[in-house]
Amino acid sequence: MREILGRRRRPLSRRGDGGPQLMEAALTFASHWQWPVLPGVATDPQGGSRCGCPDPECTVPGAHPFDPGLLAATTDARMVRWWWGNRPTAPVVLATGGRAPCAVSLPAAPAAQALDALDRLGMRLGPVVASADRWSILVKPYSLEQLGELLYAKDFVPGSLRFHGEGGYLALPPSATGLGEVRWERAPLPGSASPWVPDVEAVVDAVVEALTRTGVSAPEK
């Protein structure tokens, strides 16, 4: 039976005033789902959409780890409470890979059309994370070797696809970043165990086919 997660469902958490919602979400990811998380660097309070890190040309403002570094990501509820107790508006960043989900992302406009095409094909998807510029489909963990073999076997892969694997990261809802709010396009079931996610092979195959069928050109971004 086909299952489309999150459509017309109440989001796991709303941004509201930041702190309580972000800590609640971080605790759900870390404690209940065993996804290692850490706080993002957040935006510069004096610079609006500018990142709070030292890089004036940061391409993912506010949506990446800085201090602590990525290797500090944890599933320890005590650490999560301490981090967001001290930094209540920090974005929630997932350390992808290992035992945590990875992700395949593409620009928002072709992603929306691709998901519609996948729905018509009956493709089962897990959670999908959306920001203003890109949507990310969560997938099962994969190795660099597995991803390399998958891409090598294809005649064509859109250059706009990005892969968040081992050693990567992804901002999760209800984070606010320099590029806007991060939300669920397909939300996990509230109160569920760790959400089901598909294999990366199935997602890449389906997305490439959907983009080809719809004639969507996914530009580099």
N, C-alpha and C. Protein backbone atom coordinates (compact mmCIF):
# COMPACT_ATOMS: atom_id res chain seq x y z
N MET A 1 0.85 -1.20 0.00
CA MET A 1 0.00 0.00 0.00
C MET A 1 0.88 1.24 0.00
N ARG A 2 0.54 2.19 -0.82
CA ARG A 2 1.32 3.43 -0.90
C ARG A 2 1.08 4.29 0.32
N GLU A 3 2.14 4.88 0.83
CA GLU A 3 2.05 5.79 1.96
C GLU A 3 2.76 7.07 1.62
N ILE A 4 2.07 8.19 1.75
CA ILE A 4 2.67 9.51 1.54
C ILE A 4 2.74 10.19 2.89
N LEU A 5 3.93 10.33 3.42
CA LEU A 5 4.09 10.86 4.76
C LEU A 5 3.94 12.38 4.78
N GLY A 6 3.16 12.85 5.70
CA GLY A 6 3.20 14.26 6.03
C GLY A 6 2.26 15.18 5.27
N ARG A 7 1.68 14.75 4.18
CA ARG A 7 0.82 15.66 3.44
C ARG A 7 -0.45 15.94 4.24
N ARG A 8 -0.73 17.24 4.43
CA ARG A 8 -1.89 17.71 5.18
C ARG A 8 -1.87 17.26 6.64
N ARG A 9 -0.71 16.90 7.14
CA ARG A 9 -0.61 16.58 8.55
C ARG A 9 -0.09 17.77 9.32
N ARG A 10 -0.40 17.79 10.60
CA ARG A 10 0.15 18.83 11.45
C ARG A 10 1.66 18.64 11.58
N PRO A 11 2.45 19.69 11.40
CA PRO A 11 3.89 19.54 11.51
C PRO A 11 4.30 19.04 12.89
N LEU A 12 5.48 18.39 12.93
CA LEU A 12 6.00 17.89 14.19
C LEU A 12 6.15 19.02 15.20
N SER A 13 6.56 20.18 14.74
CA SER A 13 6.73 21.33 15.63
C SER A 13 6.69 22.60 14.81
N ARG A 14 6.12 23.65 15.40
CA ARG A 14 6.10 24.94 14.72
C ARG A 14 7.17 25.83 15.33
N ARG A 15 7.67 26.74 14.52
CA ARG A 15 8.79 27.55 14.97
C ARG A 15 8.42 28.45 16.13
N GLY A 16 7.31 29.16 16.03
CA GLY A 16 6.87 30.01 17.12
C GLY A 16 7.97 30.96 17.55
N ASP A 17 8.25 30.97 18.90
CA ASP A 17 9.26 31.87 19.40
C ASP A 17 10.64 31.22 19.44
N GLY A 18 10.81 30.05 18.84
CA GLY A 18 12.13 29.45 18.72
C GLY A 18 12.42 28.43 19.78
N GLY A 19 12.88 28.88 20.94
CA GLY A 19 13.48 28.03 21.93
C GLY A 19 12.79 26.72 22.25
N PRO A 20 11.60 26.73 22.90
CA PRO A 20 10.98 25.46 23.29
C PRO A 20 10.74 24.52 22.12
N GLN A 21 10.31 25.05 20.98
CA GLN A 21 10.04 24.21 19.82
C GLN A 21 11.32 23.56 19.29
N LEU A 22 12.40 24.33 19.24
CA LEU A 22 13.66 23.80 18.74
C LEU A 22 14.21 22.74 19.68
N MET A 23 14.17 22.97 20.98
CA MET A 23 14.66 21.97 21.92
C MET A 23 13.81 20.71 21.86
N GLU A 24 12.49 20.88 21.76
CA GLU A 24 11.59 19.73 21.67
C GLU A 24 11.91 18.89 20.43
N ALA A 25 12.11 19.57 19.31
CA ALA A 25 12.43 18.86 18.08
C ALA A 25 13.78 18.15 18.20
N ALA A 26 14.79 18.86 18.73
CA ALA A 26 16.12 18.27 18.87
C ALA A 26 16.08 17.04 19.77
N LEU A 27 15.29 17.09 20.84
CA LEU A 27 15.18 15.94 21.73
C LEU A 27 14.48 14.77 21.05
N THR A 28 13.48 15.06 20.23
CA THR A 28 12.81 13.99 19.48
C THR A 28 13.79 13.30 18.54
N PHE A 29 14.53 14.10 17.77
CA PHE A 29 15.49 13.52 16.84
C PHE A 29 16.54 12.68 17.57
N ALA A 30 17.10 13.25 18.63
CA ALA A 30 18.22 12.60 19.32
C ALA A 30 17.78 11.42 20.19
N SER A 31 16.81 11.65 21.06
CA SER A 31 16.45 10.64 22.06
C SER A 31 15.52 9.56 21.51
N HIS A 32 14.52 9.96 20.74
CA HIS A 32 13.53 8.99 20.26
C HIS A 32 13.94 8.32 18.96
N TRP A 33 14.56 9.07 18.07
CA TRP A 33 14.91 8.52 16.76
C TRP A 33 16.37 8.12 16.65
N GLN A 34 17.19 8.52 17.64
CA GLN A 34 18.62 8.21 17.63
C GLN A 34 19.34 8.81 16.43
N TRP A 35 18.93 10.03 16.07
CA TRP A 35 19.63 10.79 15.03
C TRP A 35 20.59 11.76 15.73
N PRO A 36 21.89 11.69 15.47
CA PRO A 36 22.82 12.61 16.12
C PRO A 36 22.64 14.04 15.61
N VAL A 37 22.48 14.96 16.53
CA VAL A 37 22.26 16.36 16.17
C VAL A 37 23.22 17.25 16.95
N LEU A 38 23.31 18.49 16.51
CA LEU A 38 24.06 19.52 17.21
C LEU A 38 23.53 20.88 16.76
N PRO A 39 23.81 21.94 17.52
CA PRO A 39 23.30 23.26 17.12
C PRO A 39 24.06 23.84 15.95
N GLY A 40 23.33 24.47 15.05
CA GLY A 40 23.96 25.21 13.96
C GLY A 40 24.50 26.53 14.45
N VAL A 41 25.31 27.17 13.59
CA VAL A 41 25.97 28.41 13.99
C VAL A 41 24.99 29.58 14.11
N ALA A 42 23.85 29.50 13.44
CA ALA A 42 22.82 30.55 13.43
C ALA A 42 23.29 31.76 12.63
N THR A 43 22.38 32.69 12.43
CA THR A 43 22.69 33.88 11.64
C THR A 43 23.27 34.97 12.53
N ASP A 44 23.90 35.92 11.88
CA ASP A 44 24.48 37.06 12.58
C ASP A 44 23.34 37.96 13.08
N PRO A 45 23.20 38.17 14.39
CA PRO A 45 22.08 38.98 14.89
C PRO A 45 22.12 40.42 14.38
N GLN A 46 23.29 40.87 13.94
CA GLN A 46 23.40 42.22 13.40
C GLN A 46 23.28 42.27 11.89
N GLY A 47 23.26 41.07 11.25
CA GLY A 47 23.32 41.06 9.80
C GLY A 47 22.17 40.41 9.08
N GLY A 48 21.06 40.15 9.77
CA GLY A 48 19.89 39.59 9.10
C GLY A 48 20.16 38.22 8.54
N SER A 49 20.32 38.11 7.22
CA SER A 49 20.50 36.83 6.57
C SER A 49 21.95 36.38 6.54
N ARG A 50 22.87 37.18 7.05
CA ARG A 50 24.27 36.78 7.04
C ARG A 50 24.54 35.71 8.09
N CYS A 51 25.53 34.84 7.80
CA CYS A 51 25.87 33.77 8.72
C CYS A 51 26.66 34.32 9.90
N GLY A 52 26.54 33.65 11.05
CA GLY A 52 27.29 34.04 12.22
C GLY A 52 28.71 33.52 12.24
N CYS A 53 29.12 32.76 11.20
CA CYS A 53 30.48 32.25 11.13
C CYS A 53 31.40 33.31 10.52
N PRO A 54 32.73 33.09 10.56
CA PRO A 54 33.65 34.11 10.05
C PRO A 54 33.65 34.28 8.52
N ASP A 55 33.03 33.36 7.79
CA ASP A 55 33.07 33.42 6.33
C ASP A 55 32.02 34.42 5.81
N PRO A 56 32.44 35.55 5.24
CA PRO A 56 31.46 36.55 4.77
C PRO A 56 30.68 36.08 3.55
N GLU A 57 31.14 35.01 2.88
CA GLU A 57 30.46 34.50 1.69
C GLU A 57 29.88 33.11 1.94
N CYS A 58 29.53 32.79 3.18
CA CYS A 58 28.98 31.48 3.53
C CYS A 58 27.76 31.18 2.66
N THR A 59 27.74 29.99 2.05
CA THR A 59 26.65 29.63 1.14
C THR A 59 25.47 28.98 1.85
N VAL A 60 25.64 28.59 3.11
CA VAL A 60 24.53 28.01 3.88
C VAL A 60 24.42 28.78 5.21
N PRO A 61 24.09 30.06 5.16
CA PRO A 61 24.14 30.91 6.35
C PRO A 61 23.26 30.40 7.49
N GLY A 62 23.92 30.17 8.62
CA GLY A 62 23.21 29.74 9.81
C GLY A 62 22.88 28.27 9.86
N ALA A 63 23.07 27.54 8.77
CA ALA A 63 22.57 26.16 8.66
C ALA A 63 23.67 25.12 8.73
N HIS A 64 24.80 25.45 9.35
CA HIS A 64 25.90 24.49 9.42
C HIS A 64 26.52 24.53 10.81
N PRO A 65 27.24 23.47 11.20
CA PRO A 65 27.92 23.48 12.50
C PRO A 65 29.10 24.44 12.47
N PHE A 66 29.46 24.94 13.63
CA PHE A 66 30.66 25.78 13.75
C PHE A 66 31.34 25.50 15.08
N ASP A 67 30.66 25.80 16.17
CA ASP A 67 31.18 25.52 17.50
C ASP A 67 30.00 25.09 18.37
N PRO A 68 29.90 23.77 18.66
CA PRO A 68 30.88 22.70 18.43
C PRO A 68 30.93 22.24 16.99
N GLY A 69 31.97 21.48 16.67
CA GLY A 69 32.13 20.95 15.32
C GLY A 69 31.25 19.75 15.07
N LEU A 70 31.20 19.32 13.81
CA LEU A 70 30.30 18.25 13.39
C LEU A 70 30.50 16.96 14.19
N LEU A 71 31.74 16.65 14.55
CA LEU A 71 32.01 15.39 15.25
C LEU A 71 31.39 15.37 16.65
N ALA A 72 30.94 16.51 17.14
CA ALA A 72 30.31 16.56 18.46
C ALA A 72 28.85 16.15 18.43
N ALA A 73 28.28 15.91 17.26
CA ALA A 73 26.86 15.54 17.16
C ALA A 73 26.57 14.35 18.07
N THR A 74 25.41 14.39 18.74
CA THR A 74 25.12 13.40 19.77
C THR A 74 23.65 13.03 19.80
N THR A 75 23.37 11.89 20.43
CA THR A 75 21.99 11.50 20.74
C THR A 75 21.72 11.61 22.24
N ASP A 76 22.64 12.18 22.98
CA ASP A 76 22.52 12.32 24.43
C ASP A 76 21.56 13.46 24.78
N ALA A 77 20.45 13.11 25.43
CA ALA A 77 19.44 14.12 25.75
C ALA A 77 19.98 15.19 26.68
N ARG A 78 20.88 14.83 27.59
CA ARG A 78 21.42 15.84 28.51
C ARG A 78 22.23 16.89 27.75
N MET A 79 23.01 16.44 26.76
CA MET A 79 23.80 17.39 25.98
C MET A 79 22.89 18.28 25.13
N VAL A 80 21.85 17.68 24.58
CA VAL A 80 20.90 18.45 23.77
C VAL A 80 20.24 19.53 24.62
N ARG A 81 19.82 19.16 25.81
CA ARG A 81 19.19 20.16 26.69
C ARG A 81 20.17 21.27 27.05
N TRP A 82 21.41 20.94 27.29
CA TRP A 82 22.41 21.95 27.64
C TRP A 82 22.65 22.89 26.47
N TRP A 83 22.82 22.31 25.25
CA TRP A 83 23.08 23.14 24.08
C TRP A 83 21.95 24.13 23.84
N TRP A 84 20.69 23.61 23.75
CA TRP A 84 19.59 24.52 23.41
C TRP A 84 19.12 25.33 24.61
N GLY A 85 19.51 24.92 25.82
CA GLY A 85 19.27 25.77 26.97
C GLY A 85 20.12 27.03 26.91
N ASN A 86 21.32 26.89 26.34
CA ASN A 86 22.22 28.03 26.20
C ASN A 86 22.07 28.77 24.89
N ARG A 87 21.58 28.06 23.87
CA ARG A 87 21.43 28.67 22.54
C ARG A 87 20.04 28.33 22.01
N PRO A 88 19.01 28.91 22.60
CA PRO A 88 17.63 28.47 22.31
C PRO A 88 17.16 28.68 20.89
N THR A 89 17.79 29.57 20.12
CA THR A 89 17.34 29.80 18.74
C THR A 89 18.25 29.15 17.71
N ALA A 90 19.22 28.34 18.16
CA ALA A 90 20.15 27.71 17.22
C ALA A 90 19.42 26.71 16.33
N PRO A 91 19.72 26.69 15.02
CA PRO A 91 19.15 25.67 14.14
C PRO A 91 19.54 24.27 14.62
N VAL A 92 18.68 23.30 14.32
CA VAL A 92 18.97 21.90 14.64
C VAL A 92 19.62 21.27 13.41
N VAL A 93 20.85 20.81 13.57
CA VAL A 93 21.60 20.25 12.44
C VAL A 93 21.78 18.75 12.65
N LEU A 94 21.40 17.97 11.66
CA LEU A 94 21.59 16.52 11.65
C LEU A 94 22.95 16.18 11.06
N ALA A 95 23.72 15.32 11.75
CA ALA A 95 24.94 14.77 11.18
C ALA A 95 24.55 13.53 10.38
N THR A 96 24.59 13.63 9.06
CA THR A 96 24.11 12.55 8.20
C THR A 96 25.13 11.41 8.12
N GLY A 97 24.62 10.22 7.83
CA GLY A 97 25.48 9.05 7.68
C GLY A 97 25.66 8.29 8.97
N GLY A 98 26.46 7.23 8.92
CA GLY A 98 26.58 6.36 10.08
C GLY A 98 25.29 5.59 10.26
N ARG A 99 24.67 5.73 11.42
CA ARG A 99 23.36 5.11 11.64
C ARG A 99 22.22 6.08 11.38
N ALA A 100 22.55 7.32 11.06
CA ALA A 100 21.53 8.34 10.81
C ALA A 100 21.18 8.37 9.32
N PRO A 101 20.01 8.93 8.97
CA PRO A 101 19.67 9.05 7.56
C PRO A 101 20.67 9.91 6.80
N CYS A 102 20.78 9.64 5.52
CA CYS A 102 21.46 10.53 4.58
C CYS A 102 20.37 11.28 3.82
N ALA A 103 20.74 12.05 2.80
CA ALA A 103 19.73 12.80 2.06
C ALA A 103 20.18 13.03 0.63
N VAL A 104 19.19 13.17 -0.25
CA VAL A 104 19.39 13.59 -1.64
C VAL A 104 18.60 14.87 -1.81
N SER A 105 19.25 15.95 -2.27
CA SER A 105 18.55 17.22 -2.39
C SER A 105 18.64 17.76 -3.81
N LEU A 106 17.66 18.60 -4.15
CA LEU A 106 17.63 19.27 -5.44
C LEU A 106 16.87 20.57 -5.30
N PRO A 107 17.03 21.49 -6.26
CA PRO A 107 16.36 22.79 -6.15
C PRO A 107 14.85 22.66 -5.97
N ALA A 108 14.26 23.62 -5.27
CA ALA A 108 12.88 23.50 -4.82
C ALA A 108 11.88 23.33 -5.95
N ALA A 109 11.98 24.13 -7.00
CA ALA A 109 10.96 24.06 -8.06
C ALA A 109 10.93 22.70 -8.76
N PRO A 110 12.06 22.19 -9.27
CA PRO A 110 12.02 20.85 -9.86
C PRO A 110 11.73 19.77 -8.83
N ALA A 111 12.10 19.99 -7.56
CA ALA A 111 11.80 19.00 -6.53
C ALA A 111 10.29 18.84 -6.37
N ALA A 112 9.56 19.94 -6.35
CA ALA A 112 8.11 19.87 -6.20
C ALA A 112 7.48 19.11 -7.36
N GLN A 113 7.95 19.36 -8.58
CA GLN A 113 7.41 18.64 -9.74
C GLN A 113 7.81 17.18 -9.71
N ALA A 114 9.04 16.89 -9.26
CA ALA A 114 9.49 15.51 -9.17
C ALA A 114 8.67 14.73 -8.16
N LEU A 115 8.36 15.34 -7.00
CA LEU A 115 7.56 14.64 -6.00
C LEU A 115 6.15 14.37 -6.50
N ASP A 116 5.57 15.32 -7.24
CA ASP A 116 4.26 15.08 -7.83
C ASP A 116 4.30 13.90 -8.79
N ALA A 117 5.36 13.84 -9.59
CA ALA A 117 5.51 12.72 -10.53
C ALA A 117 5.69 11.41 -9.79
N LEU A 118 6.44 11.41 -8.70
CA LEU A 118 6.65 10.19 -7.91
C LEU A 118 5.35 9.73 -7.27
N ASP A 119 4.52 10.68 -6.83
CA ASP A 119 3.21 10.31 -6.29
C ASP A 119 2.37 9.58 -7.33
N ARG A 120 2.40 10.09 -8.56
CA ARG A 120 1.61 9.45 -9.62
C ARG A 120 2.13 8.07 -9.95
N LEU A 121 3.45 7.86 -9.76
CA LEU A 121 4.04 6.55 -10.02
C LEU A 121 3.87 5.59 -8.86
N GLY A 122 3.39 6.10 -7.72
CA GLY A 122 3.21 5.25 -6.54
C GLY A 122 4.48 5.01 -5.76
N MET A 123 5.47 5.87 -5.94
CA MET A 123 6.74 5.74 -5.23
C MET A 123 6.56 6.12 -3.77
N ARG A 124 6.98 5.24 -2.86
CA ARG A 124 6.88 5.52 -1.44
C ARG A 124 8.10 6.33 -1.00
N LEU A 125 7.83 7.47 -0.34
CA LEU A 125 8.88 8.32 0.18
C LEU A 125 8.73 8.45 1.69
N GLY A 126 9.84 8.71 2.36
CA GLY A 126 9.82 9.04 3.77
C GLY A 126 9.77 10.54 3.94
N PRO A 127 10.33 11.06 5.02
CA PRO A 127 10.30 12.51 5.26
C PRO A 127 11.07 13.29 4.19
N VAL A 128 10.55 14.47 3.89
CA VAL A 128 11.20 15.39 2.95
C VAL A 128 11.33 16.74 3.65
N VAL A 129 12.55 17.25 3.70
CA VAL A 129 12.85 18.53 4.34
C VAL A 129 12.90 19.62 3.28
N ALA A 130 12.23 20.73 3.52
CA ALA A 130 12.16 21.80 2.53
C ALA A 130 12.66 23.12 3.10
N SER A 131 13.45 23.82 2.30
CA SER A 131 13.82 25.20 2.59
C SER A 131 13.43 26.03 1.37
N ALA A 132 13.72 27.30 1.40
CA ALA A 132 13.29 28.17 0.31
C ALA A 132 13.92 27.77 -1.02
N ASP A 133 15.16 27.29 -0.99
CA ASP A 133 15.86 27.03 -2.25
C ASP A 133 16.00 25.56 -2.61
N ARG A 134 15.99 24.65 -1.60
CA ARG A 134 16.21 23.24 -1.89
C ARG A 134 15.31 22.36 -1.03
N TRP A 135 14.94 21.20 -1.60
CA TRP A 135 14.23 20.16 -0.85
C TRP A 135 15.16 18.96 -0.74
N SER A 136 15.11 18.29 0.42
CA SER A 136 15.98 17.15 0.68
C SER A 136 15.15 15.93 1.05
N ILE A 137 15.34 14.83 0.31
CA ILE A 137 14.64 13.58 0.55
C ILE A 137 15.54 12.71 1.43
N LEU A 138 15.06 12.36 2.62
CA LEU A 138 15.85 11.53 3.51
C LEU A 138 15.88 10.09 3.00
N VAL A 139 17.05 9.48 3.09
CA VAL A 139 17.25 8.11 2.61
C VAL A 139 18.05 7.32 3.64
N LYS A 140 18.11 6.01 3.45
CA LYS A 140 18.91 5.16 4.34
C LYS A 140 20.40 5.51 4.20
N PRO A 141 21.17 5.26 5.25
CA PRO A 141 22.61 5.55 5.17
C PRO A 141 23.26 4.79 4.02
N TYR A 142 24.22 5.44 3.38
CA TYR A 142 24.96 4.81 2.29
C TYR A 142 26.43 5.19 2.40
N SER A 143 27.28 4.40 1.78
CA SER A 143 28.71 4.69 1.77
C SER A 143 29.08 5.47 0.52
N LEU A 144 30.25 6.10 0.53
CA LEU A 144 30.73 6.80 -0.65
C LEU A 144 30.93 5.83 -1.80
N GLU A 145 31.38 4.61 -1.49
CA GLU A 145 31.57 3.61 -2.54
C GLU A 145 30.24 3.23 -3.18
N GLN A 146 29.21 3.06 -2.35
CA GLN A 146 27.88 2.73 -2.87
C GLN A 146 27.35 3.84 -3.75
N LEU A 147 27.51 5.09 -3.31
CA LEU A 147 27.04 6.23 -4.10
C LEU A 147 27.82 6.33 -5.40
N GLY A 148 29.14 6.13 -5.35
CA GLY A 148 29.96 6.21 -6.56
C GLY A 148 29.53 5.19 -7.60
N GLU A 149 29.28 3.96 -7.16
CA GLU A 149 28.83 2.92 -8.09
C GLU A 149 27.48 3.25 -8.69
N LEU A 150 26.59 3.80 -7.87
CA LEU A 150 25.26 4.17 -8.35
C LEU A 150 25.35 5.24 -9.43
N LEU A 151 26.12 6.27 -9.20
CA LEU A 151 26.22 7.36 -10.16
C LEU A 151 26.98 6.94 -11.42
N TYR A 152 27.99 6.09 -11.26
CA TYR A 152 28.78 5.63 -12.41
C TYR A 152 27.92 4.82 -13.37
N ALA A 153 26.94 4.09 -12.82
CA ALA A 153 26.10 3.23 -13.66
C ALA A 153 25.05 4.00 -14.45
N LYS A 154 24.89 5.29 -14.18
CA LYS A 154 23.85 6.06 -14.85
C LYS A 154 24.40 6.80 -16.06
N ASP A 155 23.61 6.89 -17.09
CA ASP A 155 23.99 7.66 -18.27
C ASP A 155 23.91 9.15 -18.00
N PHE A 156 22.97 9.53 -17.13
CA PHE A 156 22.76 10.96 -16.86
C PHE A 156 22.28 11.15 -15.44
N VAL A 157 22.89 12.08 -14.73
CA VAL A 157 22.43 12.48 -13.40
C VAL A 157 22.44 14.01 -13.38
N PRO A 158 21.31 14.64 -13.05
CA PRO A 158 21.29 16.12 -13.02
C PRO A 158 22.38 16.67 -12.11
N GLY A 159 23.10 17.64 -12.63
CA GLY A 159 24.18 18.23 -11.85
C GLY A 159 23.71 18.97 -10.62
N SER A 160 22.42 19.27 -10.54
CA SER A 160 21.90 20.01 -9.40
C SER A 160 21.61 19.10 -8.20
N LEU A 161 21.67 17.76 -8.40
CA LEU A 161 21.48 16.87 -7.26
C LEU A 161 22.66 17.00 -6.30
N ARG A 162 22.36 17.02 -5.02
CA ARG A 162 23.41 17.02 -4.00
C ARG A 162 23.16 15.85 -3.05
N PHE A 163 24.25 15.35 -2.48
CA PHE A 163 24.16 14.17 -1.64
C PHE A 163 24.76 14.46 -0.28
N HIS A 164 23.97 14.23 0.77
CA HIS A 164 24.41 14.47 2.14
C HIS A 164 24.65 13.10 2.77
N GLY A 165 25.90 12.64 2.73
CA GLY A 165 26.24 11.33 3.24
C GLY A 165 27.10 11.40 4.47
N GLU A 166 27.93 10.37 4.67
CA GLU A 166 28.82 10.31 5.82
C GLU A 166 29.67 11.57 5.89
N GLY A 167 29.70 12.21 7.06
CA GLY A 167 30.46 13.44 7.22
C GLY A 167 29.72 14.68 6.75
N GLY A 168 28.47 14.53 6.35
CA GLY A 168 27.67 15.67 5.89
C GLY A 168 26.72 16.14 6.98
N TYR A 169 25.90 17.11 6.64
CA TYR A 169 24.96 17.67 7.60
C TYR A 169 23.76 18.25 6.88
N LEU A 170 22.69 18.43 7.63
CA LEU A 170 21.45 18.95 7.06
C LEU A 170 20.66 19.62 8.18
N ALA A 171 20.21 20.86 7.96
CA ALA A 171 19.36 21.54 8.94
C ALA A 171 17.97 20.94 8.90
N LEU A 172 17.39 20.71 10.08
CA LEU A 172 16.08 20.08 10.20
C LEU A 172 15.05 21.07 10.74
N PRO A 173 13.77 20.84 10.45
CA PRO A 173 12.71 21.69 11.01
C PRO A 173 12.68 21.60 12.53
N PRO A 174 12.27 22.68 13.20
CA PRO A 174 11.76 23.94 12.66
C PRO A 174 12.81 25.05 12.67
N SER A 175 14.00 24.75 12.19
CA SER A 175 15.09 25.71 12.22
C SER A 175 14.81 26.92 11.33
N ALA A 176 15.38 28.06 11.72
CA ALA A 176 15.37 29.25 10.89
C ALA A 176 16.81 29.57 10.51
N THR A 177 17.06 29.75 9.23
CA THR A 177 18.41 30.00 8.73
C THR A 177 18.43 31.32 7.97
N GLY A 178 19.62 31.66 7.47
CA GLY A 178 19.74 32.88 6.68
C GLY A 178 19.00 32.82 5.37
N LEU A 179 18.65 31.62 4.92
CA LEU A 179 17.90 31.45 3.68
C LEU A 179 16.40 31.25 3.93
N GLY A 180 15.99 31.37 5.20
CA GLY A 180 14.58 31.21 5.51
C GLY A 180 14.32 30.04 6.44
N GLU A 181 13.06 29.75 6.64
CA GLU A 181 12.66 28.69 7.57
C GLU A 181 12.77 27.32 6.91
N VAL A 182 13.17 26.35 7.71
CA VAL A 182 13.23 24.95 7.27
C VAL A 182 11.96 24.27 7.77
N ARG A 183 11.28 23.54 6.88
CA ARG A 183 10.00 22.92 7.24
C ARG A 183 9.94 21.51 6.67
N TRP A 184 8.92 20.77 7.10
CA TRP A 184 8.65 19.45 6.52
C TRP A 184 7.74 19.61 5.31
N GLU A 185 8.18 19.17 4.16
CA GLU A 185 7.28 19.02 3.01
C GLU A 185 6.51 17.72 3.14
N ARG A 186 7.17 16.68 3.61
CA ARG A 186 6.54 15.41 3.99
C ARG A 186 7.00 15.13 5.42
N ALA A 187 6.10 15.27 6.37
CA ALA A 187 6.48 15.19 7.78
C ALA A 187 6.40 13.76 8.30
N PRO A 188 7.28 13.41 9.23
CA PRO A 188 7.13 12.12 9.92
C PRO A 188 5.84 12.12 10.75
N LEU A 189 5.35 10.95 11.03
CA LEU A 189 4.16 10.85 11.87
C LEU A 189 4.49 11.32 13.28
N PRO A 190 3.70 12.23 13.86
CA PRO A 190 3.96 12.67 15.24
C PRO A 190 3.93 11.49 16.21
N GLY A 191 4.93 11.45 17.07
CA GLY A 191 4.98 10.39 18.08
C GLY A 191 5.45 9.05 17.57
N SER A 192 5.88 8.99 16.30
CA SER A 192 6.28 7.70 15.73
C SER A 192 7.69 7.34 16.17
N ALA A 193 8.04 6.08 15.99
CA ALA A 193 9.42 5.65 16.16
C ALA A 193 10.24 6.24 15.01
N SER A 194 11.52 5.92 14.98
CA SER A 194 12.37 6.49 13.94
C SER A 194 11.75 6.29 12.57
N PRO A 195 11.56 7.34 11.80
CA PRO A 195 10.80 7.25 10.54
C PRO A 195 11.46 6.32 9.52
N TRP A 196 10.60 5.67 8.75
CA TRP A 196 11.07 4.85 7.64
C TRP A 196 11.61 5.77 6.54
N VAL A 197 12.73 5.35 5.93
CA VAL A 197 13.29 6.08 4.79
C VAL A 197 13.67 5.07 3.71
N PRO A 198 13.59 5.46 2.44
CA PRO A 198 13.90 4.54 1.34
C PRO A 198 15.39 4.42 1.09
N ASP A 199 15.77 3.46 0.24
CA ASP A 199 17.16 3.32 -0.20
C ASP A 199 17.51 4.46 -1.14
N VAL A 200 18.79 4.84 -1.14
CA VAL A 200 19.24 5.92 -2.02
C VAL A 200 19.08 5.53 -3.49
N GLU A 201 19.29 4.24 -3.83
CA GLU A 201 19.15 3.81 -5.22
C GLU A 201 17.74 4.08 -5.74
N ALA A 202 16.75 3.73 -4.92
CA ALA A 202 15.36 3.92 -5.35
C ALA A 202 15.05 5.39 -5.56
N VAL A 203 15.55 6.24 -4.67
CA VAL A 203 15.26 7.67 -4.77
C VAL A 203 15.94 8.28 -5.99
N VAL A 204 17.23 7.99 -6.18
CA VAL A 204 17.94 8.57 -7.33
C VAL A 204 17.32 8.08 -8.63
N ASP A 205 17.02 6.78 -8.74
CA ASP A 205 16.39 6.26 -9.95
C ASP A 205 15.07 6.97 -10.22
N ALA A 206 14.24 7.11 -9.17
CA ALA A 206 12.91 7.68 -9.35
C ALA A 206 12.99 9.17 -9.67
N VAL A 207 13.89 9.90 -9.00
CA VAL A 207 14.00 11.33 -9.24
C VAL A 207 14.49 11.60 -10.66
N VAL A 208 15.51 10.87 -11.10
CA VAL A 208 16.04 11.07 -12.45
C VAL A 208 14.96 10.75 -13.48
N GLU A 209 14.22 9.65 -13.26
CA GLU A 209 13.15 9.29 -14.19
C GLU A 209 12.05 10.34 -14.19
N ALA A 210 11.68 10.83 -12.99
CA ALA A 210 10.62 11.83 -12.90
C ALA A 210 11.02 13.11 -13.60
N LEU A 211 12.26 13.55 -13.41
CA LEU A 211 12.72 14.78 -14.07
C LEU A 211 12.75 14.60 -15.58
N THR A 212 13.10 13.40 -16.02
CA THR A 212 13.14 13.13 -17.46
C THR A 212 11.72 13.09 -18.04
N ARG A 213 10.80 12.44 -17.32
CA ARG A 213 9.42 12.31 -17.80
C ARG A 213 8.73 13.67 -17.88
N THR A 214 8.98 14.51 -16.88
CA THR A 214 8.30 15.81 -16.85
C THR A 214 9.01 16.86 -17.69
N GLY A 215 10.19 16.53 -18.18
CA GLY A 215 10.93 17.47 -18.98
C GLY A 215 11.46 18.64 -18.18
N VAL A 216 11.60 18.44 -16.86
CA VAL A 216 12.07 19.52 -15.99
C VAL A 216 13.58 19.61 -16.09
N SER A 217 14.07 20.79 -16.30
CA SER A 217 15.50 21.05 -16.27
C SER A 217 15.85 21.56 -14.89
N ALA A 218 16.63 20.79 -14.13
CA ALA A 218 17.01 21.19 -12.78
C ALA A 218 18.34 21.92 -12.86
N PRO A 219 18.34 23.26 -12.82
CA PRO A 219 19.55 24.00 -13.02
C PRO A 219 20.53 23.84 -11.89
N GLU A 220 21.80 24.09 -12.17
CA GLU A 220 22.81 24.09 -11.14
C GLU A 220 22.51 25.18 -10.14
N LYS A 221 22.70 24.84 -8.84
CA LYS A 221 22.51 25.86 -7.82
C LYS A 221 23.23 25.45 -6.57
